[in-house]
Amino acid sequence: MTEDTDKVVPLKGRKKTEPTDERTLTRKWGKETMAANYTVIPCALLRGQARLKIGPNELAVLIHLIDHWWQPEAMPWPSKKTLAERLGVSTKTVQRAIVVLEEEGLLLRKERYHKAGGRTSNEYDLSPLVARLKDIAKDMDDASKEAKAVKKAAERPGLKKRSKAAK
């Protein structure tokens, strides 16, 4: 295994699945829950948390920022107060988490201003996170392929020897 795939934590006994449709999600979560809407969180974010070097507060803030990210071309701009209320923490805790996320290169904070000139909530560019998750997702896929190859070799011992003898 490579150094990067060693840092990917696979889930044993789970197969990679195709994206599910709403009916599957409704069966899983219930009609009432799904009627309130949902957010997609990439597995690479959850499984790569340690590799991203973020703690639970930073992960929670990221998840809430993702929940506010409605359109690919428009980055989220919730206020720190809104994030703090949703998380049940202080605005200072949210602020510290955002600083860590910036330091780890996972988001870019852009100041926004009202037309009259006063400050409003920041915009949070998540494209650095997306780029980092692509690398993690690739490593997850590589780790999965390596594990399948090892399993296949263990299931059919001697196959290589028989193949060489037949030639």
Foldseek 3Di string as FASTA:
>chain_A
DDPLLVLFDDDPPDDDDDDDDVVVVCVVPNPVVCVVPDFDDDVLCVRCVVVLVADPLLSLLVVVQRVQQDDPVFGGFDALVVSCVVVVHDSVSVVVSVVVCVVSQQWDWAWDADPVGHTDTIGIHRVSNVVVSVVSVVSNVVSVVVVVVVVVCVVDPCPVVVVVVVD
